[in-house]
N, C-alpha and C. Protein backbone atom coordinates (compact mmCIF):
# COMPACT_ATOMS: atom_id res chain seq x y z
N MET A 1 15.39 22.57 12.81
CA MET A 1 13.95 22.54 12.68
C MET A 1 13.58 21.87 11.35
N PRO A 2 12.77 20.83 11.36
CA PRO A 2 12.38 20.14 10.14
C PRO A 2 11.52 21.05 9.25
N VAL A 3 11.74 20.90 7.97
CA VAL A 3 11.00 21.70 6.99
C VAL A 3 9.97 20.81 6.31
N GLY A 4 8.75 21.30 6.17
CA GLY A 4 7.69 20.55 5.50
C GLY A 4 6.42 20.57 6.32
N THR A 5 5.36 20.11 5.69
CA THR A 5 4.09 20.05 6.39
C THR A 5 4.10 18.87 7.36
N ARG A 6 3.12 18.85 8.22
CA ARG A 6 3.01 17.75 9.20
C ARG A 6 2.87 16.41 8.49
N LEU A 7 2.04 16.38 7.42
CA LEU A 7 1.84 15.13 6.68
C LEU A 7 3.12 14.68 5.99
N SER A 8 3.84 15.60 5.38
CA SER A 8 5.07 15.21 4.69
C SER A 8 6.13 14.71 5.67
N LEU A 9 6.14 15.27 6.87
CA LEU A 9 7.08 14.78 7.88
C LEU A 9 6.70 13.39 8.36
N GLN A 10 5.39 13.12 8.48
CA GLN A 10 4.95 11.78 8.88
C GLN A 10 5.27 10.76 7.79
N LEU A 11 5.08 11.15 6.52
CA LEU A 11 5.35 10.22 5.42
C LEU A 11 6.83 10.01 5.18
N ALA A 12 7.68 10.82 5.80
CA ALA A 12 9.11 10.61 5.69
C ALA A 12 9.52 9.32 6.39
N ASP A 13 8.73 8.87 7.35
CA ASP A 13 8.99 7.62 8.05
C ASP A 13 8.57 6.45 7.15
N PHE A 14 9.48 5.50 6.95
CA PHE A 14 9.19 4.38 6.05
C PHE A 14 8.01 3.56 6.54
N GLY A 15 7.89 3.37 7.84
CA GLY A 15 6.79 2.57 8.38
C GLY A 15 5.43 3.18 8.07
N THR A 16 5.33 4.50 8.14
CA THR A 16 4.08 5.17 7.81
C THR A 16 3.76 5.01 6.33
N ARG A 17 4.76 5.18 5.48
CA ARG A 17 4.54 4.98 4.04
C ARG A 17 4.12 3.56 3.74
N SER A 18 4.69 2.61 4.44
CA SER A 18 4.34 1.21 4.24
C SER A 18 2.89 0.94 4.64
N LEU A 19 2.47 1.52 5.76
CA LEU A 19 1.08 1.35 6.18
C LEU A 19 0.11 1.95 5.18
N VAL A 20 0.44 3.12 4.65
CA VAL A 20 -0.42 3.76 3.64
C VAL A 20 -0.50 2.91 2.38
N THR A 21 0.64 2.39 1.94
CA THR A 21 0.66 1.56 0.74
C THR A 21 -0.15 0.28 0.93
N HIS A 22 0.01 -0.35 2.09
CA HIS A 22 -0.76 -1.57 2.35
C HIS A 22 -2.26 -1.28 2.47
N ALA A 23 -2.62 -0.14 3.02
CA ALA A 23 -4.03 0.22 3.08
C ALA A 23 -4.60 0.42 1.67
N LEU A 24 -3.84 1.08 0.80
CA LEU A 24 -4.28 1.24 -0.60
C LEU A 24 -4.40 -0.10 -1.30
N MET A 25 -3.47 -1.02 -1.01
CA MET A 25 -3.57 -2.36 -1.62
C MET A 25 -4.82 -3.08 -1.13
N ALA A 26 -5.15 -2.96 0.13
CA ALA A 26 -6.35 -3.60 0.67
C ALA A 26 -7.61 -3.03 0.02
N VAL A 27 -7.65 -1.72 -0.15
CA VAL A 27 -8.81 -1.08 -0.79
C VAL A 27 -8.91 -1.51 -2.26
N GLY A 28 -7.77 -1.58 -2.95
CA GLY A 28 -7.77 -2.01 -4.34
C GLY A 28 -8.24 -3.45 -4.50
N PHE A 29 -7.78 -4.32 -3.61
CA PHE A 29 -8.20 -5.72 -3.70
C PHE A 29 -9.68 -5.88 -3.35
N ALA A 30 -10.13 -5.12 -2.35
CA ALA A 30 -11.56 -5.16 -2.01
C ALA A 30 -12.40 -4.66 -3.19
N GLY A 31 -11.92 -3.63 -3.88
CA GLY A 31 -12.61 -3.14 -5.08
C GLY A 31 -12.67 -4.20 -6.16
N ALA A 32 -11.61 -4.98 -6.31
CA ALA A 32 -11.59 -6.05 -7.30
C ALA A 32 -12.63 -7.12 -6.95
N VAL A 33 -12.69 -7.49 -5.69
CA VAL A 33 -13.65 -8.51 -5.27
C VAL A 33 -15.08 -8.01 -5.45
N VAL A 34 -15.34 -6.79 -5.03
CA VAL A 34 -16.70 -6.24 -5.14
C VAL A 34 -17.10 -6.09 -6.59
N SER A 35 -16.23 -5.54 -7.42
CA SER A 35 -16.60 -5.35 -8.83
C SER A 35 -16.71 -6.69 -9.55
N GLY A 36 -15.91 -7.67 -9.16
CA GLY A 36 -16.00 -8.99 -9.79
C GLY A 36 -17.27 -9.73 -9.42
N LEU A 37 -17.76 -9.51 -8.21
CA LEU A 37 -18.95 -10.24 -7.76
C LEU A 37 -20.26 -9.52 -8.07
N PHE A 38 -20.24 -8.19 -8.03
CA PHE A 38 -21.51 -7.46 -8.09
C PHE A 38 -21.74 -6.63 -9.34
N VAL A 39 -20.72 -6.39 -10.15
CA VAL A 39 -20.91 -5.63 -11.38
C VAL A 39 -21.00 -6.62 -12.53
N GLU A 40 -22.07 -6.51 -13.30
CA GLU A 40 -22.33 -7.51 -14.33
C GLU A 40 -21.65 -7.16 -15.66
N GLY A 41 -21.45 -8.19 -16.45
CA GLY A 41 -20.98 -8.03 -17.82
C GLY A 41 -19.51 -7.68 -17.93
N GLN A 42 -19.18 -7.10 -19.09
CA GLN A 42 -17.78 -6.77 -19.36
C GLN A 42 -17.27 -5.65 -18.47
N VAL A 43 -18.15 -4.77 -18.05
CA VAL A 43 -17.72 -3.68 -17.17
C VAL A 43 -17.18 -4.26 -15.86
N GLY A 44 -17.85 -5.27 -15.31
CA GLY A 44 -17.38 -5.91 -14.08
C GLY A 44 -16.05 -6.61 -14.27
N THR A 45 -15.91 -7.29 -15.41
CA THR A 45 -14.66 -7.99 -15.69
C THR A 45 -13.51 -7.02 -15.86
N ILE A 46 -13.75 -5.94 -16.60
CA ILE A 46 -12.70 -4.96 -16.84
C ILE A 46 -12.36 -4.22 -15.54
N SER A 47 -13.37 -3.90 -14.75
CA SER A 47 -13.11 -3.22 -13.46
C SER A 47 -12.31 -4.12 -12.53
N MET A 48 -12.67 -5.39 -12.48
CA MET A 48 -11.94 -6.33 -11.63
C MET A 48 -10.48 -6.42 -12.07
N ALA A 49 -10.25 -6.53 -13.37
CA ALA A 49 -8.88 -6.62 -13.88
C ALA A 49 -8.09 -5.34 -13.58
N ALA A 50 -8.75 -4.19 -13.70
CA ALA A 50 -8.08 -2.92 -13.41
C ALA A 50 -7.70 -2.82 -11.94
N PHE A 51 -8.61 -3.20 -11.05
CA PHE A 51 -8.31 -3.17 -9.62
C PHE A 51 -7.19 -4.15 -9.26
N ILE A 52 -7.20 -5.32 -9.86
CA ILE A 52 -6.14 -6.30 -9.59
C ILE A 52 -4.80 -5.78 -10.10
N ASN A 53 -4.79 -5.17 -11.28
CA ASN A 53 -3.54 -4.61 -11.81
C ASN A 53 -3.03 -3.47 -10.94
N PHE A 54 -3.93 -2.63 -10.45
CA PHE A 54 -3.55 -1.54 -9.54
C PHE A 54 -2.92 -2.10 -8.27
N THR A 55 -3.57 -3.11 -7.70
CA THR A 55 -3.05 -3.73 -6.47
C THR A 55 -1.70 -4.39 -6.72
N ALA A 56 -1.56 -5.07 -7.84
CA ALA A 56 -0.28 -5.72 -8.17
C ALA A 56 0.83 -4.68 -8.36
N GLY A 57 0.50 -3.57 -8.98
CA GLY A 57 1.49 -2.50 -9.15
C GLY A 57 1.95 -1.93 -7.82
N LEU A 58 1.00 -1.74 -6.91
CA LEU A 58 1.38 -1.26 -5.58
C LEU A 58 2.23 -2.29 -4.84
N TRP A 59 1.89 -3.55 -5.01
CA TRP A 59 2.65 -4.62 -4.35
C TRP A 59 4.09 -4.63 -4.84
N ILE A 60 4.28 -4.53 -6.15
CA ILE A 60 5.63 -4.51 -6.72
C ILE A 60 6.38 -3.27 -6.24
N SER A 61 5.71 -2.12 -6.24
CA SER A 61 6.35 -0.89 -5.77
C SER A 61 6.78 -1.01 -4.31
N GLN A 62 5.91 -1.57 -3.48
CA GLN A 62 6.23 -1.74 -2.06
C GLN A 62 7.40 -2.70 -1.89
N SER A 63 7.43 -3.76 -2.69
CA SER A 63 8.53 -4.73 -2.58
C SER A 63 9.86 -4.09 -2.94
N ILE A 64 9.88 -3.33 -4.03
CA ILE A 64 11.12 -2.65 -4.43
C ILE A 64 11.52 -1.60 -3.39
N HIS A 65 10.53 -0.89 -2.87
CA HIS A 65 10.80 0.14 -1.88
C HIS A 65 11.36 -0.48 -0.60
N SER A 66 10.84 -1.65 -0.19
CA SER A 66 11.37 -2.29 1.01
C SER A 66 12.78 -2.81 0.80
N LEU A 67 13.09 -3.28 -0.42
CA LEU A 67 14.45 -3.73 -0.68
C LEU A 67 15.42 -2.56 -0.56
N GLY A 68 15.02 -1.39 -1.06
CA GLY A 68 15.87 -0.21 -0.94
C GLY A 68 16.01 0.25 0.49
N ASN A 69 14.97 0.07 1.29
CA ASN A 69 15.02 0.49 2.69
C ASN A 69 15.88 -0.44 3.53
N SER A 70 16.07 -1.68 3.11
CA SER A 70 16.86 -2.62 3.91
C SER A 70 18.33 -2.21 3.95
N ALA A 71 18.77 -1.37 3.02
CA ALA A 71 20.16 -0.92 3.03
C ALA A 71 20.38 0.20 4.02
N THR A 72 19.31 0.77 4.56
CA THR A 72 19.45 1.86 5.53
C THR A 72 19.53 1.30 6.94
N ASP A 73 19.69 2.19 7.89
CA ASP A 73 19.80 1.78 9.30
C ASP A 73 18.47 1.78 10.02
N GLU A 74 17.36 1.97 9.30
CA GLU A 74 16.06 1.98 9.95
C GLU A 74 15.70 0.59 10.46
N GLU A 75 14.87 0.54 11.48
CA GLU A 75 14.52 -0.72 12.10
C GLU A 75 13.16 -1.23 11.62
N TYR A 76 12.88 -1.14 10.35
CA TYR A 76 11.61 -1.62 9.80
C TYR A 76 11.62 -3.13 9.76
N GLN A 77 10.58 -3.76 10.35
CA GLN A 77 10.52 -5.22 10.42
C GLN A 77 9.27 -5.77 9.75
N GLY A 78 8.64 -4.99 8.92
CA GLY A 78 7.44 -5.45 8.23
C GLY A 78 6.20 -4.73 8.70
N VAL A 79 5.17 -4.79 7.88
CA VAL A 79 3.96 -4.02 8.16
C VAL A 79 3.23 -4.54 9.39
N LEU A 80 3.28 -5.83 9.66
CA LEU A 80 2.59 -6.36 10.84
C LEU A 80 3.23 -5.86 12.13
N LYS A 81 4.55 -5.77 12.16
CA LYS A 81 5.23 -5.22 13.34
C LYS A 81 4.92 -3.74 13.50
N GLU A 82 4.80 -3.02 12.35
CA GLU A 82 4.45 -1.60 12.42
C GLU A 82 3.07 -1.42 13.03
N ILE A 83 2.12 -2.25 12.64
CA ILE A 83 0.77 -2.16 13.19
C ILE A 83 0.79 -2.46 14.68
N LEU A 84 1.51 -3.52 15.07
CA LEU A 84 1.57 -3.89 16.49
C LEU A 84 2.26 -2.81 17.31
N ASN A 85 3.26 -2.13 16.76
CA ASN A 85 3.95 -1.06 17.49
C ASN A 85 3.05 0.15 17.68
N ARG A 86 2.12 0.37 16.77
CA ARG A 86 1.26 1.55 16.83
C ARG A 86 -0.02 1.31 17.61
N VAL A 87 -0.34 0.06 17.90
CA VAL A 87 -1.58 -0.23 18.63
C VAL A 87 -1.32 -0.31 20.12
């Protein structure tokens, strides 16, 4: 019997974690675009830079995480295949 909450068991799957990470990256990039276009002055510039840095950090983390996952026997073929398999 698996131990853990329903959410933790779902996040144990690499494909689910990848989808969550990519969704966070999309939200971060959208935040960068919105703050860069609609927030005026230095606050907009700083917010845009912060959102871009957040998105870049997630991208690097996902890249390293996928390299580590390639050594396992899981059949992960990328986030687009994960989306197509779930739709």
